[in-house]
Amino acid sequence: MNVCKKPRHKSAYEWVVVIWLLLVFSVTPFAHAEYGDIVINNFSDAAGMRPPIFPHWFHRIRFRCKVCHVDLGFEFKAGGNKINMAKIIGGEFCGACHNGEAAWSVENCDLCHSAQFGTPTQVHKNTLQTLIAPIGARK
């Protein structure tokens, strides 16, 4: 009797994700936020962790806005949520999916916490950032 299970072959999607993760996290020590990514730095600097980069469009092409912004309760504003690791581990916010079953779990900190220290909470290269001058800027 053969007790070894036949190895499950990765789908094309899984290979793309694996290659993407290898390229992003092996080439540079810090990931760079792309257009539309959300850097969340409400508590990270104070905790001595790099801020997480949330790849908004990577998630948006897979899910409707309602999934995160209604069902999971994410505000429609960068930094509008009081997200911390205790809540994520408890299944709130990111932890609703990133639980080791639906998506990877929290054991690999660098998969999310990849921005440079001191990066402010922001939507990276948000259209509003280019259209609205900062308060106190000269006209």
C-alpha atoms as a PDB file:
ATOM      1  CA  MET A   1       0.000   0.000   0.000  1.00  0.00           C
ATOM      2  CA  ASN A   2       1.422   3.358  -1.052  1.00  0.00           C
ATOM      3  CA  VAL A   3       0.864   5.935   1.688  1.00  0.00           C
ATOM      4  CA  CYS A   4       2.388   8.770  -0.304  1.00  0.00           C
ATOM      5  CA  LYS A   5      -0.134  11.120  -1.803  1.00  0.00           C
ATOM      6  CA  LYS A   6       0.248  12.245  -5.374  1.00  0.00           C
ATOM      7  CA  PRO A   7       1.646  15.793  -5.299  1.00  0.00           C
ATOM      8  CA  ARG A   8      -0.821  18.441  -6.290  1.00  0.00           C
ATOM      9  CA  HIS A   9       0.376  20.429  -9.280  1.00  0.00           C
ATOM     10  CA  LYS A  10       0.210  24.192  -9.073  1.00  0.00           C
ATOM     11  CA  SER A  11      -2.218  25.978 -11.358  1.00  0.00           C
ATOM     12  CA  ALA A  12      -0.975  28.641 -13.765  1.00  0.00           C
ATOM     13  CA  TYR A  13      -2.349  31.304 -11.413  1.00  0.00           C
ATOM     14  CA  GLU A  14      -0.402  29.886  -8.453  1.00  0.00           C
ATOM     15  CA  TRP A  15       2.813  29.860 -10.506  1.00  0.00           C
ATOM     16  CA  VAL A  16       2.309  33.483 -11.528  1.00  0.00           C
ATOM     17  CA  VAL A  17       1.841  34.466  -7.868  1.00  0.00           C
ATOM     18  CA  VAL A  18       4.915  32.468  -6.783  1.00  0.00           C
ATOM     19  CA  ILE A  19       7.104  34.015  -9.498  1.00  0.00           C
ATOM     20  CA  TRP A  20       5.790  37.502  -8.740  1.00  0.00           C
ATOM     21  CA  LEU A  21       6.525  37.082  -5.013  1.00  0.00           C
ATOM     22  CA  LEU A  22      10.013  35.777  -5.734  1.00  0.00           C
ATOM     23  CA  LEU A  23      10.796  38.670  -8.049  1.00  0.00           C
ATOM     24  CA  VAL A  24       9.423  41.354  -5.760  1.00  0.00           C
ATOM     25  CA  PHE A  25      10.894  40.101  -2.516  1.00  0.00           C
ATOM     26  CA  SER A  26      14.228  38.754  -3.721  1.00  0.00           C
ATOM     27  CA  VAL A  27      15.342  41.667  -5.899  1.00  0.00           C
ATOM     28  CA  THR A  28      14.909  44.552  -3.466  1.00  0.00           C
ATOM     29  CA  PRO A  29      14.876  44.715   0.318  1.00  0.00           C
ATOM     30  CA  PHE A  30      11.833  46.991   0.194  1.00  0.00           C
ATOM     31  CA  ALA A  31       8.868  46.686  -2.128  1.00  0.00           C
ATOM     32  CA  HIS A  32       7.870  49.830  -3.916  1.00  0.00           C
ATOM     33  CA  ALA A  33       4.250  50.912  -3.886  1.00  0.00           C
ATOM     34  CA  GLU A  34       2.679  51.072  -7.309  1.00  0.00           C
ATOM     35  CA  TYR A  35      -0.105  53.373  -8.481  1.00  0.00           C
ATOM     36  CA  GLY A  36      -3.230  52.782  -6.404  1.00  0.00           C
ATOM     37  CA  ASP A  37      -1.470  50.780  -3.681  1.00  0.00           C
ATOM     38  CA  ILE A  38      -2.281  51.825  -0.147  1.00  0.00           C
ATOM     39  CA  VAL A  39       0.495  52.285   2.390  1.00  0.00           C
ATOM     40  CA  ILE A  40      -0.891  51.821   5.912  1.00  0.00           C
ATOM     41  CA  ASN A  41       1.281  53.381   8.589  1.00  0.00           C
ATOM     42  CA  ASN A  42      -1.068  54.046  11.490  1.00  0.00           C
ATOM     43  CA  PHE A  43       0.947  52.022  14.024  1.00  0.00           C
ATOM     44  CA  SER A  44       3.894  50.429  12.174  1.00  0.00           C
ATOM     45  CA  ASP A  45       6.625  53.001  12.795  1.00  0.00           C
ATOM     46  CA  ALA A  46       5.806  53.170  16.501  1.00  0.00           C
ATOM     47  CA  ALA A  47       5.932  49.357  16.682  1.00  0.00           C
ATOM     48  CA  GLY A  48       9.297  49.185  14.894  1.00  0.00           C
ATOM     49  CA  MET A  49       7.817  47.447  11.821  1.00  0.00           C
ATOM     50  CA  ARG A  50       7.927  48.501   8.204  1.00  0.00           C
ATOM     51  CA  PRO A  51       4.495  49.740   7.063  1.00  0.00           C
ATOM     52  CA  PRO A  52       2.401  47.321   5.014  1.00  0.00           C
ATOM     53  CA  ILE A  53       1.655  47.993   1.362  1.00  0.00           C
ATOM     54  CA  PHE A  54      -1.847  46.914   0.380  1.00  0.00           C
ATOM     55  CA  PRO A  55      -2.027  46.147  -3.365  1.00  0.00           C
ATOM     56  CA  HIS A  56      -5.488  47.586  -3.916  1.00  0.00           C
ATOM     57  CA  TRP A  57      -5.832  46.853  -7.650  1.00  0.00           C
ATOM     58  CA  PHE A  58      -4.461  43.329  -7.239  1.00  0.00           C
ATOM     59  CA  HIS A  59      -7.411  42.690  -4.909  1.00  0.00           C
ATOM     60  CA  ARG A  60      -9.879  44.827  -6.876  1.00  0.00           C
ATOM     61  CA  ILE A  61      -9.591  42.742 -10.036  1.00  0.00           C
ATOM     62  CA  ARG A  62     -10.574  39.677  -8.001  1.00  0.00           C
ATOM     63  CA  PHE A  63     -13.310  41.101  -5.759  1.00  0.00           C
ATOM     64  CA  ARG A  64     -16.035  43.709  -5.999  1.00  0.00           C
ATOM     65  CA  CYS A  65     -15.676  46.798  -3.804  1.00  0.00           C
ATOM     66  CA  LYS A  66     -18.534  45.512  -1.624  1.00  0.00           C
ATOM     67  CA  VAL A  67     -16.515  42.552  -0.348  1.00  0.00           C
ATOM     68  CA  CYS A  68     -14.002  44.675   1.532  1.00  0.00           C
ATOM     69  CA  HIS A  69     -15.786  48.004   1.950  1.00  0.00           C
ATOM     70  CA  VAL A  70     -19.168  46.654   3.050  1.00  0.00           C
ATOM     71  CA  ASP A  71     -18.794  43.035   4.151  1.00  0.00           C
ATOM     72  CA  LEU A  72     -15.436  43.503   5.930  1.00  0.00           C
ATOM     73  CA  GLY A  73     -15.963  47.122   7.014  1.00  0.00           C
ATOM     74  CA  PHE A  74     -12.975  48.879   5.435  1.00  0.00           C
ATOM     75  CA  GLU A  75     -13.458  52.658   5.259  1.00  0.00           C
ATOM     76  CA  PHE A  76     -13.133  54.379   1.871  1.00  0.00           C
ATOM     77  CA  LYS A  77     -10.180  56.409   3.165  1.00  0.00           C
ATOM     78  CA  ALA A  78      -6.514  55.480   3.487  1.00  0.00           C
ATOM     79  CA  GLY A  79      -5.798  55.335   7.219  1.00  0.00           C
ATOM     80  CA  GLY A  80      -9.500  55.430   8.081  1.00  0.00           C
ATOM     81  CA  ASN A  81      -9.380  52.071   9.874  1.00  0.00           C
ATOM     82  CA  LYS A  82      -7.675  51.234  13.132  1.00  0.00           C
ATOM     83  CA  ILE A  83      -6.073  48.051  11.792  1.00  0.00           C
ATOM     84  CA  ASN A  84      -3.579  46.249  13.995  1.00  0.00           C
ATOM     85  CA  MET A  85      -2.147  42.741  14.060  1.00  0.00           C
ATOM     86  CA  ALA A  86      -4.346  41.620  16.961  1.00  0.00           C
ATOM     87  CA  LYS A  87      -7.442  42.391  14.881  1.00  0.00           C
ATOM     88  CA  ILE A  88      -5.997  40.713  11.778  1.00  0.00           C
ATOM     89  CA  ILE A  89      -5.067  37.559  13.727  1.00  0.00           C
ATOM     90  CA  GLY A  90      -8.577  37.639  15.216  1.00  0.00           C
ATOM     91  CA  GLY A  91     -10.088  37.466  11.721  1.00  0.00           C
ATOM     92  CA  GLU A  92     -10.963  41.117  11.240  1.00  0.00           C
ATOM     93  CA  PHE A  93      -9.982  43.278   8.254  1.00  0.00           C
ATOM     94  CA  CYS A  94      -7.199  41.490   6.271  1.00  0.00           C
ATOM     95  CA  GLY A  95      -7.475  38.474   8.563  1.00  0.00           C
ATOM     96  CA  ALA A  96     -10.906  37.587   7.182  1.00  0.00           C
ATOM     97  CA  CYS A  97      -9.132  36.164   4.114  1.00  0.00           C
ATOM     98  CA  HIS A  98      -5.465  36.056   5.131  1.00  0.00           C
ATOM     99  CA  ASN A  99      -5.977  33.183   7.547  1.00  0.00           C
ATOM    100  CA  GLY A 100      -3.885  30.454   5.919  1.00  0.00           C
ATOM    101  CA  GLU A 101      -6.915  28.991   4.149  1.00  0.00           C
ATOM    102  CA  ALA A 102      -8.295  31.556   1.699  1.00  0.00           C
ATOM    103  CA  ALA A 103      -4.941  33.355   1.391  1.00  0.00           C
ATOM    104  CA  TRP A 104      -1.567  33.249   3.115  1.00  0.00           C
ATOM    105  CA  SER A 105      -1.464  33.748   6.848  1.00  0.00           C
ATOM    106  CA  VAL A 106       0.376  36.317   8.966  1.00  0.00           C
ATOM    107  CA  GLU A 107       3.527  34.276   9.658  1.00  0.00           C
ATOM    108  CA  ASN A 108       5.446  35.861   6.756  1.00  0.00           C
ATOM    109  CA  CYS A 109       5.547  39.467   7.926  1.00  0.00           C
ATOM    110  CA  ASP A 110       7.561  40.740   4.955  1.00  0.00           C
ATOM    111  CA  LEU A 111       4.843  39.811   2.464  1.00  0.00           C
ATOM    112  CA  CYS A 112       2.820  42.791   3.689  1.00  0.00           C
ATOM    113  CA  HIS A 113       5.210  44.861   5.807  1.00  0.00           C
ATOM    114  CA  SER A 114       7.412  45.863   2.899  1.00  0.00           C
ATOM    115  CA  ALA A 115       7.380  49.678   2.679  1.00  0.00           C
ATOM    116  CA  GLN A 116      10.285  51.779   3.858  1.00  0.00           C
ATOM    117  CA  PHE A 117      10.192  53.049   7.425  1.00  0.00           C
ATOM    118  CA  GLY A 118       8.586  56.461   7.667  1.00  0.00           C
ATOM    119  CA  THR A 119       6.396  56.097   4.577  1.00  0.00           C
ATOM    120  CA  PRO A 120       3.171  57.926   5.448  1.00  0.00           C
ATOM    121  CA  THR A 121      -0.296  56.426   5.184  1.00  0.00           C
ATOM    122  CA  GLN A 122      -1.414  57.216   1.659  1.00  0.00           C
ATOM    123  CA  VAL A 123      -2.860  56.031  -1.603  1.00  0.00           C
ATOM    124  CA  HIS A 124       0.272  55.887  -3.721  1.00  0.00           C
ATOM    125  CA  LYS A 125       0.189  58.488  -6.519  1.00  0.00           C
ATOM    126  CA  ASN A 126      -3.480  59.153  -5.954  1.00  0.00           C
ATOM    127  CA  THR A 127      -5.046  61.381  -8.599  1.00  0.00           C
ATOM    128  CA  LEU A 128      -6.236  63.727  -5.843  1.00  0.00           C
ATOM    129  CA  GLN A 129      -2.650  64.144  -4.638  1.00  0.00           C
ATOM    130  CA  THR A 130      -1.714  65.585  -8.038  1.00  0.00           C
ATOM    131  CA  LEU A 131      -4.801  67.805  -8.395  1.00  0.00           C
ATOM    132  CA  ILE A 132      -5.048  69.331  -4.928  1.00  0.00           C
ATOM    133  CA  ALA A 133      -2.173  71.460  -3.682  1.00  0.00           C
ATOM    134  CA  PRO A 134      -1.059  70.826  -0.092  1.00  0.00           C
ATOM    135  CA  ILE A 135      -2.278  73.322   2.509  1.00  0.00           C
ATOM    136  CA  GLY A 136       0.072  76.292   2.612  1.00  0.00           C
ATOM    137  CA  ALA A 137       1.509  75.676  -0.861  1.00  0.00           C
ATOM    138  CA  ARG A 138       2.091  78.722  -3.037  1.00  0.00           C
ATOM    139  CA  LYS A 139      -0.253  79.298  -5.935  1.00  0.00           C
END
